[in-house]
Amino acid sequence: IIYLYGRHVTAEVKEMFSIDENKGEIKLQGKLDYEQMNSYEITVEARDKGSPPLSGHCKVVLEVLDVND
């Protein structure tokens, strides 16, 4: 099974987070700022290597906490 971004994931989200294709782990690539964006939605697709490939998807919602204030 490989894991990848869904079709409608924005370029901004792709720059902020990365997905390990083999494990499906989502990792942060930069700093988060609550004032700029307080939550992110990432659609993830899991696809097998069959012919034709079968796939499933889910939505991961990340909420950013404002720890400064």
N, C-alpha and C. Protein backbone atom coordinates (compact mmCIF):
# COMPACT_ATOMS: atom_id res chain seq x y z
N ILE A 1 0.85 -1.18 0.00
CA ILE A 1 0.00 0.00 0.00
C ILE A 1 0.89 1.23 0.00
N ILE A 2 0.50 2.22 -0.81
CA ILE A 2 1.20 3.51 -0.79
C ILE A 2 0.21 4.59 -0.33
N TYR A 3 0.75 5.61 0.31
CA TYR A 3 -0.05 6.71 0.84
C TYR A 3 0.35 7.99 0.13
N LEU A 4 -0.64 8.79 -0.24
CA LEU A 4 -0.37 10.03 -0.94
C LEU A 4 -1.47 11.05 -0.64
N TYR A 5 -1.21 12.30 -0.99
CA TYR A 5 -2.20 13.35 -0.81
C TYR A 5 -3.40 13.10 -1.71
N GLY A 6 -4.56 13.51 -1.23
CA GLY A 6 -5.76 13.47 -2.05
C GLY A 6 -5.70 14.53 -3.14
N ARG A 7 -6.63 14.50 -4.04
CA ARG A 7 -6.62 15.39 -5.22
C ARG A 7 -6.73 16.87 -4.87
N HIS A 8 -7.47 17.20 -3.82
CA HIS A 8 -7.79 18.59 -3.54
C HIS A 8 -6.94 19.23 -2.44
N VAL A 9 -5.82 18.63 -2.13
CA VAL A 9 -4.92 19.19 -1.12
C VAL A 9 -4.18 20.37 -1.74
N THR A 10 -4.16 21.49 -1.02
CA THR A 10 -3.55 22.70 -1.56
C THR A 10 -2.02 22.61 -1.55
N ALA A 11 -1.40 23.45 -2.37
CA ALA A 11 0.07 23.52 -2.43
C ALA A 11 0.63 23.95 -1.08
N GLU A 12 -0.07 24.83 -0.38
CA GLU A 12 0.38 25.29 0.94
C GLU A 12 0.49 24.12 1.93
N VAL A 13 -0.50 23.25 1.93
CA VAL A 13 -0.48 22.09 2.82
C VAL A 13 0.65 21.14 2.42
N LYS A 14 0.87 20.96 1.13
CA LYS A 14 1.94 20.09 0.66
C LYS A 14 3.32 20.62 1.05
N GLU A 15 3.45 21.94 1.17
CA GLU A 15 4.71 22.53 1.60
C GLU A 15 4.92 22.39 3.11
N MET A 16 3.83 22.42 3.88
CA MET A 16 3.91 22.37 5.34
C MET A 16 4.10 20.95 5.88
N PHE A 17 3.55 19.96 5.18
CA PHE A 17 3.55 18.59 5.66
C PHE A 17 4.05 17.64 4.59
N SER A 18 4.61 16.52 5.02
CA SER A 18 5.01 15.47 4.08
C SER A 18 4.39 14.15 4.53
N ILE A 19 4.14 13.28 3.57
CA ILE A 19 3.58 11.96 3.86
C ILE A 19 4.61 10.91 3.45
N ASP A 20 4.92 10.00 4.37
CA ASP A 20 5.77 8.86 4.05
C ASP A 20 4.93 7.89 3.22
N GLU A 21 5.32 7.68 1.97
CA GLU A 21 4.52 6.83 1.07
C GLU A 21 4.34 5.41 1.57
N ASN A 22 5.32 4.89 2.31
CA ASN A 22 5.26 3.51 2.76
C ASN A 22 4.55 3.34 4.09
N LYS A 23 4.74 4.27 5.03
CA LYS A 23 4.17 4.14 6.36
C LYS A 23 2.89 4.93 6.56
N GLY A 24 2.70 5.98 5.76
CA GLY A 24 1.54 6.84 5.92
C GLY A 24 1.71 7.90 7.00
N GLU A 25 2.93 8.04 7.54
CA GLU A 25 3.19 9.04 8.57
C GLU A 25 3.17 10.44 7.96
N ILE A 26 2.50 11.35 8.65
CA ILE A 26 2.47 12.75 8.24
C ILE A 26 3.42 13.51 9.15
N LYS A 27 4.36 14.24 8.54
CA LYS A 27 5.36 14.98 9.31
C LYS A 27 5.32 16.45 8.95
N LEU A 28 5.59 17.27 9.94
CA LEU A 28 5.64 18.71 9.77
C LEU A 28 6.96 19.11 9.14
N GLN A 29 6.93 20.02 8.14
CA GLN A 29 8.13 20.46 7.44
C GLN A 29 8.62 21.83 7.90
N GLY A 30 7.76 22.62 8.52
CA GLY A 30 8.13 23.97 8.93
C GLY A 30 7.47 24.32 10.24
N LYS A 31 7.39 25.62 10.52
CA LYS A 31 6.76 26.09 11.75
C LYS A 31 5.30 26.41 11.49
N LEU A 32 4.47 26.13 12.47
CA LEU A 32 3.06 26.48 12.40
C LEU A 32 2.83 27.79 13.13
N ASP A 33 1.94 28.61 12.61
CA ASP A 33 1.60 29.87 13.25
C ASP A 33 0.08 29.95 13.37
N TYR A 34 -0.40 29.95 14.61
CA TYR A 34 -1.85 29.97 14.88
C TYR A 34 -2.51 31.19 14.23
N GLU A 35 -1.82 32.33 14.23
CA GLU A 35 -2.41 33.55 13.68
C GLU A 35 -2.60 33.46 12.16
N GLN A 36 -1.76 32.70 11.49
CA GLN A 36 -1.90 32.55 10.04
C GLN A 36 -2.95 31.49 9.67
N MET A 37 -2.91 30.36 10.38
CA MET A 37 -3.84 29.25 10.08
C MET A 37 -4.04 28.46 11.36
N ASN A 38 -5.29 28.33 11.81
CA ASN A 38 -5.53 27.63 13.07
C ASN A 38 -5.90 26.16 12.89
N SER A 39 -6.09 25.72 11.64
CA SER A 39 -6.34 24.30 11.40
C SER A 39 -6.01 23.96 9.94
N TYR A 40 -5.73 22.69 9.72
CA TYR A 40 -5.43 22.18 8.39
C TYR A 40 -6.24 20.92 8.15
N GLU A 41 -6.73 20.75 6.93
CA GLU A 41 -7.40 19.52 6.52
C GLU A 41 -6.54 18.87 5.44
N ILE A 42 -6.18 17.62 5.68
CA ILE A 42 -5.35 16.89 4.71
C ILE A 42 -6.11 15.64 4.30
N THR A 43 -6.45 15.54 3.03
CA THR A 43 -7.06 14.33 2.51
C THR A 43 -5.94 13.38 2.11
N VAL A 44 -5.99 12.17 2.65
CA VAL A 44 -4.96 11.16 2.37
C VAL A 44 -5.61 9.99 1.65
N GLU A 45 -4.92 9.51 0.62
CA GLU A 45 -5.40 8.35 -0.13
C GLU A 45 -4.43 7.19 0.11
N ALA A 46 -4.98 6.01 0.34
CA ALA A 46 -4.20 4.78 0.45
C ALA A 46 -4.54 3.92 -0.77
N ARG A 47 -3.52 3.51 -1.51
CA ARG A 47 -3.74 2.78 -2.76
C ARG A 47 -2.89 1.51 -2.77
N ASP A 48 -3.50 0.39 -3.17
CA ASP A 48 -2.71 -0.83 -3.27
C ASP A 48 -2.05 -0.91 -4.65
N LYS A 49 -1.24 -1.92 -4.85
CA LYS A 49 -0.49 -2.04 -6.09
C LYS A 49 -1.09 -3.08 -7.03
N GLY A 50 -2.38 -3.30 -6.89
CA GLY A 50 -3.06 -4.27 -7.75
C GLY A 50 -3.31 -3.71 -9.14
N SER A 51 -3.91 -4.55 -9.98
CA SER A 51 -4.25 -4.13 -11.33
C SER A 51 -5.70 -4.51 -11.61
N PRO A 52 -6.61 -3.59 -11.56
CA PRO A 52 -6.47 -2.16 -11.27
C PRO A 52 -6.27 -1.92 -9.77
N PRO A 53 -5.63 -0.80 -9.42
CA PRO A 53 -5.40 -0.51 -8.00
C PRO A 53 -6.70 -0.13 -7.29
N LEU A 54 -6.83 -0.59 -6.06
CA LEU A 54 -7.96 -0.21 -5.22
C LEU A 54 -7.46 0.87 -4.26
N SER A 55 -8.36 1.78 -3.89
CA SER A 55 -7.93 2.86 -3.00
C SER A 55 -9.03 3.21 -2.01
N GLY A 56 -8.60 3.84 -0.93
CA GLY A 56 -9.50 4.38 0.07
C GLY A 56 -8.94 5.73 0.49
N HIS A 57 -9.75 6.52 1.14
CA HIS A 57 -9.28 7.83 1.55
C HIS A 57 -9.83 8.21 2.91
N CYS A 58 -9.18 9.18 3.54
CA CYS A 58 -9.65 9.73 4.81
C CYS A 58 -9.24 11.18 4.87
N LYS A 59 -9.83 11.91 5.81
CA LYS A 59 -9.49 13.30 6.02
C LYS A 59 -8.86 13.43 7.40
N VAL A 60 -7.66 14.01 7.45
CA VAL A 60 -6.96 14.25 8.71
C VAL A 60 -7.12 15.74 9.02
N VAL A 61 -7.63 16.05 10.20
CA VAL A 61 -7.81 17.45 10.62
C VAL A 61 -6.80 17.73 11.72
N LEU A 62 -5.96 18.76 11.49
CA LEU A 62 -4.95 19.16 12.46
C LEU A 62 -5.34 20.53 13.02
N GLU A 63 -5.49 20.62 14.31
CA GLU A 63 -5.81 21.89 14.95
C GLU A 63 -4.56 22.45 15.61
N VAL A 64 -4.25 23.70 15.32
CA VAL A 64 -3.07 24.36 15.86
C VAL A 64 -3.48 25.08 17.15
N LEU A 65 -2.75 24.84 18.23
CA LEU A 65 -3.02 25.51 19.50
C LEU A 65 -2.18 26.78 19.59
N ASP A 66 -2.77 27.84 20.16
CA ASP A 66 -2.06 29.09 20.35
C ASP A 66 -1.42 29.07 21.73
N VAL A 67 -0.16 28.65 21.80
CA VAL A 67 0.52 28.51 23.08
C VAL A 67 1.19 29.80 23.53
N ASN A 68 1.27 30.81 22.66
CA ASN A 68 1.91 32.08 23.01
C ASN A 68 1.06 32.90 23.99
N ASP A 69 -0.25 32.87 23.81
CA ASP A 69 -1.13 33.77 24.57
C ASP A 69 -1.62 33.13 25.82
